[in-house]
Amino acid sequence: MWCSEFEYVAVSKAGNGYFYCSACRKDVACSHMGRADVQRHCAGPRHIQSVSDIKTRATMNMDAYVDKSQEALVNKVVIEICAVR
């Protein structure tokens, strides 16, 4: 199928004429034009917004886990390394 070619595309439980979009969380028909159906879906506004939302949430989650004291320590080490060179 197209799982390795398109991000967020997986095999659908609905059958061979569908693919599952994990970004949009839905089964999408692809029995009409096959690969072109997948491309059309991935270029659509709902899919683009879903992917954007996923990336925004991932960024926000990473910010929540950054330990500010550890970040300051890393910055200090980088400055010291640069000063040695």
PDB file of N, CA and C in Angstrom:
ATOM      1  N   MET A   1       0.846  -1.189   0.000  1.00  0.00           N
ATOM      2  CA  MET A   1       0.000   0.000   0.000  1.00  0.00           C
ATOM      3  C   MET A   1       0.886   1.244   0.000  1.00  0.00           C
ATOM      4  N   TRP A   2       0.418   2.340   0.513  1.00  0.00           N
ATOM      5  CA  TRP A   2       1.150   3.614   0.462  1.00  0.00           C
ATOM      6  C   TRP A   2       1.643   4.049   1.831  1.00  0.00           C
ATOM      7  N   CYS A   3       1.703   3.144   2.767  1.00  0.00           N
ATOM      8  CA  CYS A   3       2.081   3.480   4.140  1.00  0.00           C
ATOM      9  C   CYS A   3       3.476   4.083   4.235  1.00  0.00           C
ATOM     10  N   SER A   4       4.404   3.580   3.458  1.00  0.00           N
ATOM     11  CA  SER A   4       5.768   4.091   3.531  1.00  0.00           C
ATOM     12  C   SER A   4       5.942   5.362   2.704  1.00  0.00           C
ATOM     13  N   GLU A   5       5.027   5.621   1.805  1.00  0.00           N
ATOM     14  CA  GLU A   5       5.139   6.779   0.922  1.00  0.00           C
ATOM     15  C   GLU A   5       4.502   8.039   1.501  1.00  0.00           C
ATOM     16  N   PHE A   6       3.435   7.858   2.272  1.00  0.00           N
ATOM     17  CA  PHE A   6       2.709   8.995   2.823  1.00  0.00           C
ATOM     18  C   PHE A   6       2.702   8.923   4.344  1.00  0.00           C
ATOM     19  N   GLU A   7       3.068  10.031   4.973  1.00  0.00           N
ATOM     20  CA  GLU A   7       3.034  10.112   6.426  1.00  0.00           C
ATOM     21  C   GLU A   7       1.582  10.083   6.888  1.00  0.00           C
ATOM     22  N   TYR A   8       1.304   9.425   7.996  1.00  0.00           N
ATOM     23  CA  TYR A   8      -0.023   9.319   8.610  1.00  0.00           C
ATOM     24  C   TYR A   8      -0.962   8.364   7.874  1.00  0.00           C
ATOM     25  N   VAL A   9      -0.506   7.644   6.870  1.00  0.00           N
ATOM     26  CA  VAL A   9      -1.352   6.703   6.144  1.00  0.00           C
ATOM     27  C   VAL A   9      -1.046   5.286   6.631  1.00  0.00           C
ATOM     28  N   ALA A  10      -2.123   4.557   6.956  1.00  0.00           N
ATOM     29  CA  ALA A  10      -1.980   3.191   7.444  1.00  0.00           C
ATOM     30  C   ALA A  10      -3.039   2.312   6.794  1.00  0.00           C
ATOM     31  N   VAL A  11      -2.883   1.012   6.966  1.00  0.00           N
ATOM     32  CA  VAL A  11      -3.855   0.062   6.447  1.00  0.00           C
ATOM     33  C   VAL A  11      -5.161   0.252   7.220  1.00  0.00           C
ATOM     34  N   SER A  12      -6.263   0.228   6.499  1.00  0.00           N
ATOM     35  CA  SER A  12      -7.580   0.439   7.108  1.00  0.00           C
ATOM     36  C   SER A  12      -8.231  -0.873   7.481  1.00  0.00           C
ATOM     37  N   LYS A  13      -8.953  -0.869   8.573  1.00  0.00           N
ATOM     38  CA  LYS A  13      -9.737  -2.041   8.963  1.00  0.00           C
ATOM     39  C   LYS A  13     -11.014  -2.133   8.135  1.00  0.00           C
ATOM     40  N   ALA A  14     -11.326  -1.071   7.387  1.00  0.00           N
ATOM     41  CA  ALA A  14     -12.537  -1.044   6.565  1.00  0.00           C
ATOM     42  C   ALA A  14     -12.401  -1.887   5.296  1.00  0.00           C
ATOM     43  N   GLY A  15     -11.188  -2.261   4.950  1.00  0.00           N
ATOM     44  CA  GLY A  15     -10.994  -3.126   3.792  1.00  0.00           C
ATOM     45  C   GLY A  15     -10.013  -2.569   2.786  1.00  0.00           C
ATOM     46  N   ASN A  16      -9.861  -3.294   1.680  1.00  0.00           N
ATOM     47  CA  ASN A  16      -8.873  -2.952   0.661  1.00  0.00           C
ATOM     48  C   ASN A  16      -9.149  -1.635  -0.051  1.00  0.00           C
ATOM     49  N   GLY A  17     -10.373  -1.209  -0.130  1.00  0.00           N
ATOM     50  CA  GLY A  17     -10.716   0.019  -0.845  1.00  0.00           C
ATOM     51  C   GLY A  17     -10.580   1.267  -0.007  1.00  0.00           C
ATOM     52  N   TYR A  18      -9.892   1.148   1.142  1.00  0.00           N
ATOM     53  CA  TYR A  18      -9.746   2.278   2.059  1.00  0.00           C
ATOM     54  C   TYR A  18      -8.328   2.344   2.598  1.00  0.00           C
ATOM     55  N   PHE A  19      -7.954   3.520   3.091  1.00  0.00           N
ATOM     56  CA  PHE A  19      -6.749   3.658   3.893  1.00  0.00           C
ATOM     57  C   PHE A  19      -7.144   4.419   5.139  1.00  0.00           C
ATOM     58  N   TYR A  20      -6.365   4.261   6.198  1.00  0.00           N
ATOM     59  CA  TYR A  20      -6.644   4.966   7.444  1.00  0.00           C
ATOM     60  C   TYR A  20      -5.690   6.135   7.568  1.00  0.00           C
ATOM     61  N   CYS A  21      -6.252   7.326   7.782  1.00  0.00           N
ATOM     62  CA  CYS A  21      -5.432   8.514   8.014  1.00  0.00           C
ATOM     63  C   CYS A  21      -5.376   8.735   9.521  1.00  0.00           C
ATOM     64  N   SER A  22      -4.208   8.521  10.105  1.00  0.00           N
ATOM     65  CA  SER A  22      -4.077   8.666  11.553  1.00  0.00           C
ATOM     66  C   SER A  22      -4.109  10.129  11.986  1.00  0.00           C
ATOM     67  N   ALA A  23      -3.785  11.045  11.092  1.00  0.00           N
ATOM     68  CA  ALA A  23      -3.867  12.468  11.429  1.00  0.00           C
ATOM     69  C   ALA A  23      -5.321  12.902  11.558  1.00  0.00           C
ATOM     70  N   CYS A  24      -6.136  12.474  10.620  1.00  0.00           N
ATOM     71  CA  CYS A  24      -7.561  12.850  10.606  1.00  0.00           C
ATOM     72  C   CYS A  24      -8.418  11.867  11.399  1.00  0.00           C
ATOM     73  N   ARG A  25      -7.816  10.732  11.760  1.00  0.00           N
ATOM     74  CA  ARG A  25      -8.494   9.678  12.506  1.00  0.00           C
ATOM     75  C   ARG A  25      -9.740   9.179  11.781  1.00  0.00           C
ATOM     76  N   LYS A  26      -9.556   8.856  10.493  1.00  0.00           N
ATOM     77  CA  LYS A  26     -10.700   8.330   9.742  1.00  0.00           C
ATOM     78  C   LYS A  26     -10.239   7.452   8.595  1.00  0.00           C
ATOM     79  N   ASP A  27     -11.144   6.570   8.176  1.00  0.00           N
ATOM     80  CA  ASP A  27     -10.927   5.736   7.001  1.00  0.00           C
ATOM     81  C   ASP A  27     -11.359   6.536   5.777  1.00  0.00           C
ATOM     82  N   VAL A  28     -10.531   6.505   4.748  1.00  0.00           N
ATOM     83  CA  VAL A  28     -10.790   7.266   3.529  1.00  0.00           C
ATOM     84  C   VAL A  28     -10.797   6.301   2.345  1.00  0.00           C
ATOM     85  N   ALA A  29     -11.794   6.450   1.483  1.00  0.00           N
ATOM     86  CA  ALA A  29     -11.905   5.574   0.313  1.00  0.00           C
ATOM     87  C   ALA A  29     -10.790   5.858  -0.685  1.00  0.00           C
ATOM     88  N   CYS A  30     -10.245   4.796  -1.263  1.00  0.00           N
ATOM     89  CA  CYS A  30      -9.212   4.941  -2.289  1.00  0.00           C
ATOM     90  C   CYS A  30      -9.441   3.965  -3.431  1.00  0.00           C
ATOM     91  N   SER A  31     -10.665   3.462  -3.547  1.00  0.00           N
ATOM     92  CA  SER A  31     -10.956   2.462  -4.577  1.00  0.00           C
ATOM     93  C   SER A  31     -11.189   3.086  -5.946  1.00  0.00           C
ATOM     94  N   HIS A  32     -11.423   4.382  -6.001  1.00  0.00           N
ATOM     95  CA  HIS A  32     -11.712   5.036  -7.278  1.00  0.00           C
ATOM     96  C   HIS A  32     -10.433   5.296  -8.074  1.00  0.00           C
ATOM     97  N   MET A  33      -9.515   6.058  -7.487  1.00  0.00           N
ATOM     98  CA  MET A  33      -8.289   6.441  -8.203  1.00  0.00           C
ATOM     99  C   MET A  33      -7.020   5.965  -7.491  1.00  0.00           C
ATOM    100  N   GLY A  34      -7.176   5.207  -6.413  1.00  0.00           N
ATOM    101  CA  GLY A  34      -6.025   4.650  -5.716  1.00  0.00           C
ATOM    102  C   GLY A  34      -5.102   5.696  -5.129  1.00  0.00           C
ATOM    103  N   ARG A  35      -3.875   5.710  -5.605  1.00  0.00           N
ATOM    104  CA  ARG A  35      -2.844   6.631  -5.100  1.00  0.00           C
ATOM    105  C   ARG A  35      -3.296   8.085  -5.212  1.00  0.00           C
ATOM    106  N   ALA A  36      -3.988   8.435  -6.285  1.00  0.00           N
ATOM    107  CA  ALA A  36      -4.471   9.812  -6.473  1.00  0.00           C
ATOM    108  C   ALA A  36      -5.473  10.199  -5.383  1.00  0.00           C
ATOM    109  N   ASP A  37      -6.267   9.223  -4.901  1.00  0.00           N
ATOM    110  CA  ASP A  37      -7.187   9.494  -3.791  1.00  0.00           C
ATOM    111  C   ASP A  37      -6.413   9.846  -2.523  1.00  0.00           C
ATOM    112  N   VAL A  38      -5.309   9.137  -2.296  1.00  0.00           N
ATOM    113  CA  VAL A  38      -4.479   9.403  -1.129  1.00  0.00           C
ATOM    114  C   VAL A  38      -3.846  10.793  -1.250  1.00  0.00           C
ATOM    115  N   GLN A  39      -3.308  11.103  -2.429  1.00  0.00           N
ATOM    116  CA  GLN A  39      -2.702  12.417  -2.651  1.00  0.00           C
ATOM    117  C   GLN A  39      -3.725  13.536  -2.455  1.00  0.00           C
ATOM    118  N   ARG A  40      -4.926  13.338  -2.992  1.00  0.00           N
ATOM    119  CA  ARG A  40      -5.972  14.354  -2.875  1.00  0.00           C
ATOM    120  C   ARG A  40      -6.334  14.579  -1.404  1.00  0.00           C
ATOM    121  N   HIS A  41      -6.456  13.491  -0.654  1.00  0.00           N
ATOM    122  CA  HIS A  41      -6.776  13.626   0.771  1.00  0.00           C
ATOM    123  C   HIS A  41      -5.671  14.385   1.506  1.00  0.00           C
ATOM    124  N   CYS A  42      -4.419  14.001   1.249  1.00  0.00           N
ATOM    125  CA  CYS A  42      -3.286  14.622   1.949  1.00  0.00           C
ATOM    126  C   CYS A  42      -3.111  16.096   1.603  1.00  0.00           C
ATOM    127  N   ALA A  43      -3.612  16.509   0.458  1.00  0.00           N
ATOM    128  CA  ALA A  43      -3.529  17.914   0.046  1.00  0.00           C
ATOM    129  C   ALA A  43      -4.736  18.724   0.512  1.00  0.00           C
ATOM    130  N   GLY A  44      -5.721  18.053   1.102  1.00  0.00           N
ATOM    131  CA  GLY A  44      -6.946  18.725   1.511  1.00  0.00           C
ATOM    132  C   GLY A  44      -6.776  19.546   2.779  1.00  0.00           C
ATOM    133  N   PRO A  45      -7.647  20.542   2.957  1.00  0.00           N
ATOM    134  CA  PRO A  45      -7.532  21.454   4.111  1.00  0.00           C
ATOM    135  C   PRO A  45      -7.708  20.763   5.465  1.00  0.00           C
ATOM    136  N   ARG A  46      -8.592  19.774   5.550  1.00  0.00           N
ATOM    137  CA  ARG A  46      -8.792  19.096   6.837  1.00  0.00           C
ATOM    138  C   ARG A  46      -7.529  18.330   7.240  1.00  0.00           C
ATOM    139  N   HIS A  47      -6.933  17.625   6.289  1.00  0.00           N
ATOM    140  CA  HIS A  47      -5.715  16.861   6.584  1.00  0.00           C
ATOM    141  C   HIS A  47      -4.570  17.797   6.962  1.00  0.00           C
ATOM    142  N   ILE A  48      -4.414  18.859   6.204  1.00  0.00           N
ATOM    143  CA  ILE A  48      -3.336  19.823   6.479  1.00  0.00           C
ATOM    144  C   ILE A  48      -3.504  20.419   7.872  1.00  0.00           C
ATOM    145  N   GLN A  49      -4.729  20.758   8.247  1.00  0.00           N
ATOM    146  CA  GLN A  49      -4.984  21.302   9.582  1.00  0.00           C
ATOM    147  C   GLN A  49      -4.725  20.256  10.656  1.00  0.00           C
ATOM    148  N   SER A  50      -5.115  19.025  10.408  1.00  0.00           N
ATOM    149  CA  SER A  50      -4.883  17.952  11.378  1.00  0.00           C
ATOM    150  C   SER A  50      -3.386  17.740  11.621  1.00  0.00           C
ATOM    151  N   VAL A  51      -2.607  17.736  10.560  1.00  0.00           N
ATOM    152  CA  VAL A  51      -1.156  17.571  10.684  1.00  0.00           C
ATOM    153  C   VAL A  51      -0.558  18.753  11.443  1.00  0.00           C
ATOM    154  N   SER A  52      -1.017  19.955  11.134  1.00  0.00           N
ATOM    155  CA  SER A  52      -0.541  21.145  11.829  1.00  0.00           C
ATOM    156  C   SER A  52      -0.852  21.066  13.323  1.00  0.00           C
ATOM    157  N   ASP A  53      -2.053  20.617  13.654  1.00  0.00           N
ATOM    158  CA  ASP A  53      -2.438  20.468  15.061  1.00  0.00           C
ATOM    159  C   ASP A  53      -1.558  19.450  15.775  1.00  0.00           C
ATOM    160  N   ILE A  54      -1.252  18.346  15.101  1.00  0.00           N
ATOM    161  CA  ILE A  54      -0.390  17.317  15.689  1.00  0.00           C
ATOM    162  C   ILE A  54       0.996  17.888  15.986  1.00  0.00           C
ATOM    163  N   LYS A  55       1.544  18.604  15.028  1.00  0.00           N
ATOM    164  CA  LYS A  55       2.887  19.165  15.207  1.00  0.00           C
ATOM    165  C   LYS A  55       2.898  20.229  16.290  1.00  0.00           C
ATOM    166  N   THR A  56       1.835  21.018  16.396  1.00  0.00           N
ATOM    167  CA  THR A  56       1.742  22.036  17.445  1.00  0.00           C
ATOM    168  C   THR A  56       1.677  21.372  18.815  1.00  0.00           C
ATOM    169  N   ARG A  57       0.857  20.323  18.941  1.00  0.00           N
ATOM    170  CA  ARG A  57       0.767  19.617  20.219  1.00  0.00           C
ATOM    171  C   ARG A  57       2.098  18.991  20.591  1.00  0.00           C
ATOM    172  N   ALA A  58       2.808  18.441  19.625  1.00  0.00           N
ATOM    173  CA  ALA A  58       4.105  17.811  19.904  1.00  0.00           C
ATOM    174  C   ALA A  58       5.098  18.842  20.404  1.00  0.00           C
ATOM    175  N   THR A  59       5.099  20.014  19.789  1.00  0.00           N
ATOM    176  CA  THR A  59       5.995  21.088  20.217  1.00  0.00           C
ATOM    177  C   THR A  59       5.653  21.548  21.620  1.00  0.00           C
ATOM    178  N   MET A  60       4.362  21.703  21.883  1.00  0.00           N
ATOM    179  CA  MET A  60       3.933  22.133  23.215  1.00  0.00           C
ATOM    180  C   MET A  60       4.305  21.099  24.259  1.00  0.00           C
ATOM    181  N   ASN A  61       4.158  19.827  23.935  1.00  0.00           N
ATOM    182  CA  ASN A  61       4.518  18.769  24.872  1.00  0.00           C
ATOM    183  C   ASN A  61       6.008  18.756  25.148  1.00  0.00           C
ATOM    184  N   MET A  62       6.814  18.991  24.140  1.00  0.00           N
ATOM    185  CA  MET A  62       8.268  19.029  24.347  1.00  0.00           C
ATOM    186  C   MET A  62       8.644  20.199  25.242  1.00  0.00           C
ATOM    187  N   ASP A  63       8.017  21.355  25.056  1.00  0.00           N
ATOM    188  CA  ASP A  63       8.296  22.517  25.892  1.00  0.00           C
ATOM    189  C   ASP A  63       7.960  22.243  27.350  1.00  0.00           C
ATOM    190  N   ALA A  64       6.925  21.462  27.587  1.00  0.00           N
ATOM    191  CA  ALA A  64       6.514  21.160  28.957  1.00  0.00           C
ATOM    192  C   ALA A  64       7.537  20.293  29.677  1.00  0.00           C
ATOM    193  N   TYR A  65       8.312  19.491  28.936  1.00  0.00           N
ATOM    194  CA  TYR A  65       9.267  18.577  29.546  1.00  0.00           C
ATOM    195  C   TYR A  65      10.685  19.143  29.650  1.00  0.00           C
ATOM    196  N   VAL A  66      10.907  20.303  29.088  1.00  0.00           N
ATOM    197  CA  VAL A  66      12.253  20.872  29.147  1.00  0.00           C
ATOM    198  C   VAL A  66      12.505  21.393  30.558  1.00  0.00           C
ATOM    199  N   ASP A  67      13.519  20.877  31.162  1.00  0.00           N
ATOM    200  CA  ASP A  67      13.920  21.331  32.491  1.00  0.00           C
ATOM    201  C   ASP A  67      14.791  22.563  32.302  1.00  0.00           C
ATOM    202  N   LYS A  68      14.326  23.698  32.783  1.00  0.00           N
ATOM    203  CA  LYS A  68      15.020  24.964  32.552  1.00  0.00           C
ATOM    204  C   LYS A  68      16.418  24.969  33.169  1.00  0.00           C
ATOM    205  N   SER A  69      16.586  24.312  34.312  1.00  0.00           N
ATOM    206  CA  SER A  69      17.919  24.275  34.923  1.00  0.00           C
ATOM    207  C   SER A  69      18.868  23.441  34.064  1.00  0.00           C
ATOM    208  N   GLN A  70      18.372  22.376  33.487  1.00  0.00           N
ATOM    209  CA  GLN A  70      19.190  21.552  32.612  1.00  0.00           C
ATOM    210  C   GLN A  70      19.536  22.318  31.336  1.00  0.00           C
ATOM    211  N   GLU A  71      18.578  23.074  30.824  1.00  0.00           N
ATOM    212  CA  GLU A  71      18.823  23.886  29.633  1.00  0.00           C
ATOM    213  C   GLU A  71      19.919  24.920  29.906  1.00  0.00           C
ATOM    214  N   ALA A  72      19.892  25.539  31.077  1.00  0.00           N
ATOM    215  CA  ALA A  72      20.909  26.516  31.442  1.00  0.00           C
ATOM    216  C   ALA A  72      22.280  25.846  31.552  1.00  0.00           C
ATOM    217  N   LEU A  73      22.323  24.642  32.100  1.00  0.00           N
ATOM    218  CA  LEU A  73      23.583  23.899  32.226  1.00  0.00           C
ATOM    219  C   LEU A  73      24.161  23.580  30.849  1.00  0.00           C
ATOM    220  N   VAL A  74      23.313  23.143  29.929  1.00  0.00           N
ATOM    221  CA  VAL A  74      23.763  22.846  28.573  1.00  0.00           C
ATOM    222  C   VAL A  74      24.309  24.103  27.913  1.00  0.00           C
ATOM    223  N   ASN A  75      23.628  25.216  28.054  1.00  0.00           N
ATOM    224  CA  ASN A  75      24.100  26.477  27.479  1.00  0.00           C
ATOM    225  C   ASN A  75      25.462  26.867  28.054  1.00  0.00           C
ATOM    226  N   LYS A  76      25.648  26.665  29.349  1.00  0.00           N
ATOM    227  CA  LYS A  76      26.922  26.987  29.999  1.00  0.00           C
ATOM    228  C   LYS A  76      28.048  26.115  29.427  1.00  0.00           C
ATOM    229  N   VAL A  77      27.791  24.839  29.249  1.00  0.00           N
ATOM    230  CA  VAL A  77      28.794  23.925  28.709  1.00  0.00           C
ATOM    231  C   VAL A  77      29.147  24.314  27.280  1.00  0.00           C
ATOM    232  N   VAL A  78      28.157  24.671  26.483  1.00  0.00           N
ATOM    233  CA  VAL A  78      28.412  25.088  25.104  1.00  0.00           C
ATOM    234  C   VAL A  78      29.272  26.337  25.083  1.00  0.00           C
ATOM    235  N   ILE A  79      28.984  27.283  25.948  1.00  0.00           N
ATOM    236  CA  ILE A  79      29.785  28.524  26.013  1.00  0.00           C
ATOM    237  C   ILE A  79      31.223  28.200  26.416  1.00  0.00           C
ATOM    238  N   GLU A  80      31.378  27.312  27.382  1.00  0.00           N
ATOM    239  CA  GLU A  80      32.731  26.940  27.820  1.00  0.00           C
ATOM    240  C   GLU A  80      33.500  26.237  26.710  1.00  0.00           C
ATOM    241  N   ILE A  81      32.843  25.366  25.976  1.00  0.00           N
ATOM    242  CA  ILE A  81      33.507  24.668  24.875  1.00  0.00           C
ATOM    243  C   ILE A  81      33.932  25.667  23.807  1.00  0.00           C
ATOM    244  N   CYS A  82      33.058  26.612  23.506  1.00  0.00           N
ATOM    245  CA  CYS A  82      33.384  27.623  22.491  1.00  0.00           C
ATOM    246  C   CYS A  82      34.551  28.499  22.956  1.00  0.00           C
ATOM    247  N   ALA A  83      34.624  28.780  24.234  1.00  0.00           N
ATOM    248  CA  ALA A  83      35.688  29.621  24.776  1.00  0.00           C
ATOM    249  C   ALA A  83      37.037  28.914  24.683  1.00  0.00           C
ATOM    250  N   VAL A  84      37.057  27.603  24.812  1.00  0.00           N
ATOM    251  CA  VAL A  84      38.302  26.823  24.749  1.00  0.00           C
ATOM    252  C   VAL A  84      38.872  26.837  23.349  1.00  0.00           C
ATOM    253  N   ARG A  85      38.015  26.836  22.355  1.00  0.00           N
ATOM    254  CA  ARG A  85      38.468  26.778  20.964  1.00  0.00           C
ATOM    255  C   ARG A  85      38.988  28.092  20.592  1.00  0.00           C
TER     256      ARG A  85
END
